[in-house]
């Protein structure tokens, strides 16, 4: 059956063979009872006795319909999985002599990746004889780390791997993307300008 493997994780009803258990439920107070009495109570309520904490002393059992209990466990696991943040590693490539405009463009992307909660793997690729510029590559990567220090921490310092020098940055907890401020409408702008002009005229009259 489909649920057999899941059922093996919990002892139910007659499978519970300890002398006494602590029972809990939606409409009962926690109390310790002989297992035989707990089984009778479960039968009276038309539910199952499910062992949920076998390592406790005594083991804790829940009075609940077993199918409902399995559904709740499955739903809880699904909800926890949905809440987990999936962290991706985004790569950004530089050349050893990256132009300022290109650097700023890639810096902007790094900020976006980090604010989304992703790690950034930035590397300088040395093509052919460009390996002689490895010091420049290290300086560039350290500059990147410095420019991102408010939202990122260095997880791995620059290291040369073959033809690539790599640094890994991870987001700080507090880093969150900033919401863009709405631009003022023409009417609001015109109104603000009118108020400013009136204030300046009043100021001029007072000065005279």
Foldseek 3Di string as FASTA:
>chain_A
DVCPVVPVVKQKQPSDDDQKEFEDEDPDDTDIDGSVVVSVVLVVVVAIWIFDAVPDVNTYTYNHHVVVVVVVVVVVVVVVVVPDDDAAEAEDEDELDRDPVRLVVSLVVCLVNQQSFYKYKYKYFQDDPSVVSVVSRLVSVVVSCVVCVVFWDWPAHFDDDPRMTITMIGTDPVRHDDDDDDDDDPVVVVVVVVVVVVVVVVVVVVVD
